[in-house]
Amino acid sequence: MQKHVVIAPVGDYIDDLFVGIREFPTDRVILISPKEKIKEAERARSELEKFKIPCRIMEIKGNLWEETFHAVSEIKKMEGGDGKNLLINVSTGDRETRCAATSAGFVNGIKAFGVSGNDVMMLPILKFSYYKQLTEKKMSILKVLYNSTDCCSSLEELSKKTKMSLPLISYHINGNLKSEGLKELGLVETSETKGKVAVKLTLMGRLLVKGYV
């Protein structure tokens, strides 16, 4: 029987970790913990030692969403890259860390489950790769937006920085009936002021450029 590496965010419902372990044979546990939850993570590790289950604590700092995505991405790489032996218990965190862990599992194609009382519920396996949706030009637009902190207050400015024509920039941002644009993919957002359309990266856009997705 295959044993799993269980990833769990540390939050308000850390006891749900043990419900998941009861359901799934567990080789080891990796806890993703913000600094303020380290004591809870250490207590959980002590409890796991009683069951002879190794536990690693990954402390995250800064933006919780960004660092959770980074942690899950790094764990997947360390475990061989396909994530087949990984499970994410999304119920152990608080409201925000649950959402972040669920989203990180979704975009990385990692199986996730939730806990309700003493019952475990598998979440749909939704494999999705942004990289398959992105052309080289779309990716170059994202990199310009990421590297130029003062860009871009207008499509014209973005056009100049990317050296693409204005119609091409508009196409890659907004898409058409046959192809999703960066805006529809949730990687950029736009706002209009005095007839000028400003463009900036979303959190997901930044995560993608940094290689966390």
C-alpha atoms as a PDB file:
ATOM      1  CA  MET A   1       0.000   0.000   0.000  1.00  0.00           C
ATOM      2  CA  GLN A   2       1.365   3.379  -1.009  1.00  0.00           C
ATOM      3  CA  LYS A   3       2.141   5.747   1.797  1.00  0.00           C
ATOM      4  CA  HIS A   4       1.649   9.447   1.359  1.00  0.00           C
ATOM      5  CA  VAL A   5       3.477  12.627   2.186  1.00  0.00           C
ATOM      6  CA  VAL A   6       0.796  14.800   3.775  1.00  0.00           C
ATOM      7  CA  ILE A   7       1.094  18.580   3.477  1.00  0.00           C
ATOM      8  CA  ALA A   8      -0.926  20.631   5.937  1.00  0.00           C
ATOM      9  CA  PRO A   9      -1.199  24.355   6.678  1.00  0.00           C
ATOM     10  CA  VAL A  10      -1.054  25.134  10.396  1.00  0.00           C
ATOM     11  CA  GLY A  11      -4.034  27.052  11.668  1.00  0.00           C
ATOM     12  CA  ASP A  12      -7.115  26.818  13.854  1.00  0.00           C
ATOM     13  CA  TYR A  13      -7.994  23.198  13.116  1.00  0.00           C
ATOM     14  CA  ILE A  14      -4.697  21.339  13.402  1.00  0.00           C
ATOM     15  CA  ASP A  15      -6.446  18.378  15.077  1.00  0.00           C
ATOM     16  CA  ASP A  16      -7.966  17.567  11.674  1.00  0.00           C
ATOM     17  CA  LEU A  17      -4.462  16.445  10.726  1.00  0.00           C
ATOM     18  CA  PHE A  18      -4.924  13.241  12.724  1.00  0.00           C
ATOM     19  CA  VAL A  19      -8.280  12.450  11.122  1.00  0.00           C
ATOM     20  CA  GLY A  20      -6.553  12.518   7.747  1.00  0.00           C
ATOM     21  CA  ILE A  21      -3.682  10.338   8.939  1.00  0.00           C
ATOM     22  CA  ARG A  22      -6.171   7.761  10.173  1.00  0.00           C
ATOM     23  CA  GLU A  23      -7.716   7.617   6.695  1.00  0.00           C
ATOM     24  CA  PHE A  24      -4.548   7.688   4.568  1.00  0.00           C
ATOM     25  CA  PRO A  25      -1.365   5.664   5.230  1.00  0.00           C
ATOM     26  CA  THR A  26       1.183   8.386   5.947  1.00  0.00           C
ATOM     27  CA  ASP A  27       4.934   8.160   5.453  1.00  0.00           C
ATOM     28  CA  ARG A  28       5.633  11.667   6.766  1.00  0.00           C
ATOM     29  CA  VAL A  29       4.045  15.056   7.301  1.00  0.00           C
ATOM     30  CA  ILE A  30       5.135  18.519   6.161  1.00  0.00           C
ATOM     31  CA  LEU A  31       3.531  21.387   8.065  1.00  0.00           C
ATOM     32  CA  ILE A  32       3.408  24.846   6.477  1.00  0.00           C
ATOM     33  CA  SER A  33       3.333  27.314   9.334  1.00  0.00           C
ATOM     34  CA  PRO A  34       3.371  31.106   9.656  1.00  0.00           C
ATOM     35  CA  LYS A  35       5.638  32.384  12.423  1.00  0.00           C
ATOM     36  CA  GLU A  36       2.770  33.045  14.832  1.00  0.00           C
ATOM     37  CA  LYS A  37       1.631  29.408  14.590  1.00  0.00           C
ATOM     38  CA  ILE A  38       5.017  27.744  15.164  1.00  0.00           C
ATOM     39  CA  LYS A  39       4.112  26.598  18.696  1.00  0.00           C
ATOM     40  CA  GLU A  40       1.010  24.827  17.366  1.00  0.00           C
ATOM     41  CA  ALA A  41       3.165  23.233  14.655  1.00  0.00           C
ATOM     42  CA  GLU A  42       5.695  22.013  17.222  1.00  0.00           C
ATOM     43  CA  ARG A  43       2.931  20.527  19.367  1.00  0.00           C
ATOM     44  CA  ALA A  44       1.575  18.684  16.325  1.00  0.00           C
ATOM     45  CA  ARG A  45       5.063  17.386  15.549  1.00  0.00           C
ATOM     46  CA  SER A  46       5.386  16.076  19.106  1.00  0.00           C
ATOM     47  CA  GLU A  47       2.054  14.258  18.755  1.00  0.00           C
ATOM     48  CA  LEU A  48       3.143  12.749  15.444  1.00  0.00           C
ATOM     49  CA  GLU A  49       6.312  11.410  17.065  1.00  0.00           C
ATOM     50  CA  LYS A  50       4.114   9.210  19.260  1.00  0.00           C
ATOM     51  CA  PHE A  51       2.935   7.505  16.054  1.00  0.00           C
ATOM     52  CA  LYS A  52       6.524   7.398  14.731  1.00  0.00           C
ATOM     53  CA  ILE A  53       5.561   9.655  11.819  1.00  0.00           C
ATOM     54  CA  PRO A  54       8.385  12.036  10.837  1.00  0.00           C
ATOM     55  CA  CYS A  55       7.340  15.665  10.574  1.00  0.00           C
ATOM     56  CA  ARG A  56       9.021  18.672   9.004  1.00  0.00           C
ATOM     57  CA  ILE A  57       7.943  22.248   9.695  1.00  0.00           C
ATOM     58  CA  MET A  58       8.302  24.825   6.925  1.00  0.00           C
ATOM     59  CA  GLU A  59       8.009  28.319   8.388  1.00  0.00           C
ATOM     60  CA  ILE A  60       6.665  30.935   6.007  1.00  0.00           C
ATOM     61  CA  LYS A  61       7.149  34.676   6.249  1.00  0.00           C
ATOM     62  CA  GLY A  62       5.712  37.608   4.366  1.00  0.00           C
ATOM     63  CA  ASN A  63       2.695  37.295   2.084  1.00  0.00           C
ATOM     64  CA  LEU A  64       0.813  34.193   3.212  1.00  0.00           C
ATOM     65  CA  TRP A  65      -0.608  33.345  -0.213  1.00  0.00           C
ATOM     66  CA  GLU A  66       2.675  33.815  -2.032  1.00  0.00           C
ATOM     67  CA  GLU A  67       4.689  31.876   0.521  1.00  0.00           C
ATOM     68  CA  THR A  68       2.155  29.013   0.658  1.00  0.00           C
ATOM     69  CA  PHE A  69       2.361  28.653  -3.124  1.00  0.00           C
ATOM     70  CA  HIS A  70       6.149  28.763  -2.908  1.00  0.00           C
ATOM     71  CA  ALA A  71       6.231  26.093  -0.199  1.00  0.00           C
ATOM     72  CA  VAL A  72       3.898  23.720  -2.070  1.00  0.00           C
ATOM     73  CA  SER A  73       5.876  24.225  -5.286  1.00  0.00           C
ATOM     74  CA  GLU A  74       9.160  23.448  -3.511  1.00  0.00           C
ATOM     75  CA  ILE A  75       7.718  20.362  -1.825  1.00  0.00           C
ATOM     76  CA  LYS A  76       6.501  19.040  -5.170  1.00  0.00           C
ATOM     77  CA  LYS A  77       9.982  19.513  -6.656  1.00  0.00           C
ATOM     78  CA  MET A  78      11.641  17.801  -3.689  1.00  0.00           C
ATOM     79  CA  GLU A  79       9.278  14.840  -3.989  1.00  0.00           C
ATOM     80  CA  GLY A  80      10.109  14.111  -7.616  1.00  0.00           C
ATOM     81  CA  GLY A  81       8.032  16.674  -9.463  1.00  0.00           C
ATOM     82  CA  ASP A  82       4.883  14.684 -10.308  1.00  0.00           C
ATOM     83  CA  GLY A  83       3.207  14.983  -6.909  1.00  0.00           C
ATOM     84  CA  LYS A  84       1.653  11.505  -7.089  1.00  0.00           C
ATOM     85  CA  ASN A  85       2.547  10.629  -3.505  1.00  0.00           C
ATOM     86  CA  LEU A  86       1.443  13.985  -2.122  1.00  0.00           C
ATOM     87  CA  LEU A  87      -1.783  14.859  -0.345  1.00  0.00           C
ATOM     88  CA  ILE A  88      -2.822  18.241   1.010  1.00  0.00           C
ATOM     89  CA  ASN A  89      -5.042  18.335   4.085  1.00  0.00           C
ATOM     90  CA  VAL A  90      -6.661  21.730   3.578  1.00  0.00           C
ATOM     91  CA  SER A  91      -8.790  21.595   6.735  1.00  0.00           C
ATOM     92  CA  THR A  92      -6.005  22.128   9.260  1.00  0.00           C
ATOM     93  CA  GLY A  93      -5.565  25.843   8.608  1.00  0.00           C
ATOM     94  CA  ASP A  94      -7.684  28.915   9.195  1.00  0.00           C
ATOM     95  CA  ARG A  95      -9.937  30.539   6.598  1.00  0.00           C
ATOM     96  CA  GLU A  96      -7.131  32.177   4.605  1.00  0.00           C
ATOM     97  CA  THR A  97      -4.590  29.357   4.768  1.00  0.00           C
ATOM     98  CA  ARG A  98      -7.261  26.834   3.769  1.00  0.00           C
ATOM     99  CA  CYS A  99      -7.987  28.831   0.629  1.00  0.00           C
ATOM    100  CA  ALA A 100      -4.297  29.288  -0.167  1.00  0.00           C
ATOM    101  CA  ALA A 101      -3.530  25.583   0.298  1.00  0.00           C
ATOM    102  CA  THR A 102      -6.521  24.533  -1.827  1.00  0.00           C
ATOM    103  CA  SER A 103      -5.508  26.889  -4.642  1.00  0.00           C
ATOM    104  CA  ALA A 104      -1.862  25.779  -4.478  1.00  0.00           C
ATOM    105  CA  GLY A 105      -2.948  22.155  -4.752  1.00  0.00           C
ATOM    106  CA  PHE A 106      -5.222  22.966  -7.680  1.00  0.00           C
ATOM    107  CA  VAL A 107      -2.626  24.682  -9.857  1.00  0.00           C
ATOM    108  CA  ASN A 108       0.040  22.102  -9.013  1.00  0.00           C
ATOM    109  CA  GLY A 109      -2.186  19.092  -9.722  1.00  0.00           C
ATOM    110  CA  ILE A 110      -1.864  17.750  -6.166  1.00  0.00           C
ATOM    111  CA  LYS A 111      -4.683  15.769  -4.559  1.00  0.00           C
ATOM    112  CA  ALA A 112      -6.339  17.524  -1.634  1.00  0.00           C
ATOM    113  CA  PHE A 113      -8.934  16.602   0.955  1.00  0.00           C
ATOM    114  CA  GLY A 114     -10.996  18.231   3.636  1.00  0.00           C
ATOM    115  CA  VAL A 115     -12.209  16.983   6.999  1.00  0.00           C
ATOM    116  CA  SER A 116     -15.724  17.319   8.390  1.00  0.00           C
ATOM    117  CA  GLY A 117     -16.034  15.889  11.887  1.00  0.00           C
ATOM    118  CA  ASN A 118     -14.609  12.384  11.567  1.00  0.00           C
ATOM    119  CA  ASP A 119     -15.214  12.165   7.838  1.00  0.00           C
ATOM    120  CA  VAL A 120     -12.704  12.805   5.068  1.00  0.00           C
ATOM    121  CA  MET A 121     -13.796  14.244   1.734  1.00  0.00           C
ATOM    122  CA  MET A 122     -11.553  14.201  -1.326  1.00  0.00           C
ATOM    123  CA  LEU A 123     -11.638  17.360  -3.404  1.00  0.00           C
ATOM    124  CA  PRO A 124     -11.833  17.175  -7.212  1.00  0.00           C
ATOM    125  CA  ILE A 125      -8.459  16.682  -8.897  1.00  0.00           C
ATOM    126  CA  LEU A 126      -8.191  19.687 -11.163  1.00  0.00           C
ATOM    127  CA  LYS A 127      -4.976  19.642 -13.137  1.00  0.00           C
ATOM    128  CA  PHE A 128      -4.346  22.925 -14.849  1.00  0.00           C
ATOM    129  CA  SER A 129      -1.145  24.414 -16.184  1.00  0.00           C
ATOM    130  CA  TYR A 130      -0.964  28.108 -16.944  1.00  0.00           C
ATOM    131  CA  TYR A 131       2.182  27.454 -18.925  1.00  0.00           C
ATOM    132  CA  LYS A 132       0.214  25.501 -21.542  1.00  0.00           C
ATOM    133  CA  GLN A 133      -2.017  28.538 -22.016  1.00  0.00           C
ATOM    134  CA  LEU A 134       0.802  31.046 -22.379  1.00  0.00           C
ATOM    135  CA  THR A 135       2.608  31.922 -25.574  1.00  0.00           C
ATOM    136  CA  GLU A 136       6.099  33.379 -25.496  1.00  0.00           C
ATOM    137  CA  LYS A 137       4.685  36.863 -26.089  1.00  0.00           C
ATOM    138  CA  LYS A 138       2.175  36.584 -23.250  1.00  0.00           C
ATOM    139  CA  MET A 139       4.940  35.456 -20.928  1.00  0.00           C
ATOM    140  CA  SER A 140       7.148  38.357 -21.997  1.00  0.00           C
ATOM    141  CA  ILE A 141       4.324  40.784 -21.133  1.00  0.00           C
ATOM    142  CA  LEU A 142       4.080  39.284 -17.643  1.00  0.00           C
ATOM    143  CA  LYS A 143       7.838  39.587 -17.150  1.00  0.00           C
ATOM    144  CA  VAL A 144       7.813  43.248 -18.197  1.00  0.00           C
ATOM    145  CA  LEU A 145       5.020  43.978 -15.729  1.00  0.00           C
ATOM    146  CA  TYR A 146       6.903  42.108 -13.000  1.00  0.00           C
ATOM    147  CA  ASN A 147      10.308  43.709 -13.609  1.00  0.00           C
ATOM    148  CA  SER A 148       9.049  47.257 -14.189  1.00  0.00           C
ATOM    149  CA  THR A 149       7.469  48.308 -10.914  1.00  0.00           C
ATOM    150  CA  ASP A 150       6.260  51.612 -12.377  1.00  0.00           C
ATOM    151  CA  CYS A 151       4.646  49.963 -15.411  1.00  0.00           C
ATOM    152  CA  CYS A 152       2.143  50.326 -16.862  1.00  0.00           C
ATOM    153  CA  SER A 153      -0.292  53.208 -16.670  1.00  0.00           C
ATOM    154  CA  SER A 154      -1.504  52.643 -20.227  1.00  0.00           C
ATOM    155  CA  LEU A 155      -1.534  50.050 -22.981  1.00  0.00           C
ATOM    156  CA  GLU A 156       0.594  52.464 -24.992  1.00  0.00           C
ATOM    157  CA  GLU A 157       3.314  52.387 -22.342  1.00  0.00           C
ATOM    158  CA  LEU A 158       3.193  48.586 -22.198  1.00  0.00           C
ATOM    159  CA  SER A 159       3.385  48.496 -25.991  1.00  0.00           C
ATOM    160  CA  LYS A 160       6.606  50.520 -25.930  1.00  0.00           C
ATOM    161  CA  LYS A 161       8.227  48.467 -23.179  1.00  0.00           C
ATOM    162  CA  THR A 162       7.433  45.140 -24.858  1.00  0.00           C
ATOM    163  CA  LYS A 163       8.089  46.450 -28.380  1.00  0.00           C
ATOM    164  CA  MET A 164       4.753  45.002 -29.495  1.00  0.00           C
ATOM    165  CA  SER A 165       2.092  46.824 -31.468  1.00  0.00           C
ATOM    166  CA  LEU A 166      -0.864  48.277 -29.604  1.00  0.00           C
ATOM    167  CA  PRO A 167      -3.390  45.881 -31.286  1.00  0.00           C
ATOM    168  CA  LEU A 168      -1.185  42.912 -30.329  1.00  0.00           C
ATOM    169  CA  ILE A 169      -0.926  44.082 -26.722  1.00  0.00           C
ATOM    170  CA  SER A 170      -4.705  44.494 -26.563  1.00  0.00           C
ATOM    171  CA  TYR A 171      -5.159  41.001 -28.000  1.00  0.00           C
ATOM    172  CA  HIS A 172      -2.838  39.366 -25.450  1.00  0.00           C
ATOM    173  CA  ILE A 173      -4.426  41.263 -22.558  1.00  0.00           C
ATOM    174  CA  ASN A 174      -8.087  40.843 -23.533  1.00  0.00           C
ATOM    175  CA  GLY A 175      -8.070  37.736 -25.756  1.00  0.00           C
ATOM    176  CA  ASN A 176     -10.800  36.880 -28.225  1.00  0.00           C
ATOM    177  CA  LEU A 177     -13.374  34.148 -28.838  1.00  0.00           C
ATOM    178  CA  LYS A 178     -10.684  31.602 -29.689  1.00  0.00           C
ATOM    179  CA  SER A 179      -7.982  32.500 -27.186  1.00  0.00           C
ATOM    180  CA  GLU A 180      -8.111  33.589 -23.541  1.00  0.00           C
ATOM    181  CA  GLY A 181      -6.246  36.761 -22.717  1.00  0.00           C
ATOM    182  CA  LEU A 182      -4.116  37.390 -19.653  1.00  0.00           C
ATOM    183  CA  LYS A 183      -7.025  39.194 -18.020  1.00  0.00           C
ATOM    184  CA  GLU A 184      -9.408  36.245 -18.396  1.00  0.00           C
ATOM    185  CA  LEU A 185      -6.711  33.887 -17.111  1.00  0.00           C
ATOM    186  CA  GLY A 186      -6.592  35.975 -13.941  1.00  0.00           C
ATOM    187  CA  LEU A 187      -2.939  36.942 -14.416  1.00  0.00           C
ATOM    188  CA  VAL A 188      -3.419  40.684 -14.948  1.00  0.00           C
ATOM    189  CA  GLU A 189      -6.052  43.235 -14.033  1.00  0.00           C
ATOM    190  CA  THR A 190      -6.893  46.496 -15.727  1.00  0.00           C
ATOM    191  CA  SER A 191      -8.374  49.818 -14.682  1.00  0.00           C
ATOM    192  CA  GLU A 192      -9.369  52.812 -16.780  1.00  0.00           C
ATOM    193  CA  THR A 193      -8.643  56.432 -15.859  1.00  0.00           C
ATOM    194  CA  LYS A 194      -9.283  59.342 -18.230  1.00  0.00           C
ATOM    195  CA  GLY A 195      -9.411  57.034 -21.213  1.00  0.00           C
ATOM    196  CA  LYS A 196      -6.149  55.256 -20.365  1.00  0.00           C
ATOM    197  CA  VAL A 197      -6.148  51.559 -19.494  1.00  0.00           C
ATOM    198  CA  ALA A 198      -3.618  50.695 -16.771  1.00  0.00           C
ATOM    199  CA  VAL A 199      -2.370  47.119 -16.466  1.00  0.00           C
ATOM    200  CA  LYS A 200      -0.842  45.369 -13.471  1.00  0.00           C
ATOM    201  CA  LEU A 201      -0.100  41.822 -12.377  1.00  0.00           C
ATOM    202  CA  THR A 202      -2.438  39.967 -10.071  1.00  0.00           C
ATOM    203  CA  LEU A 203      -1.066  37.867  -7.223  1.00  0.00           C
ATOM    204  CA  MET A 204      -1.373  34.795  -9.445  1.00  0.00           C
ATOM    205  CA  GLY A 205       0.536  36.592 -12.174  1.00  0.00           C
ATOM    206  CA  ARG A 206       3.400  37.348  -9.785  1.00  0.00           C
ATOM    207  CA  LEU A 207       3.446  33.766  -8.519  1.00  0.00           C
ATOM    208  CA  LEU A 208       3.636  32.443 -12.050  1.00  0.00           C
ATOM    209  CA  VAL A 209       6.526  34.705 -13.085  1.00  0.00           C
ATOM    210  CA  LYS A 210       8.410  33.680  -9.931  1.00  0.00           C
ATOM    211  CA  GLY A 211       7.895  30.014 -10.806  1.00  0.00           C
ATOM    212  CA  TYR A 212       5.662  29.172  -7.831  1.00  0.00           C
ATOM    213  CA  VAL A 213       2.825  27.894 -10.048  1.00  0.00           C
END
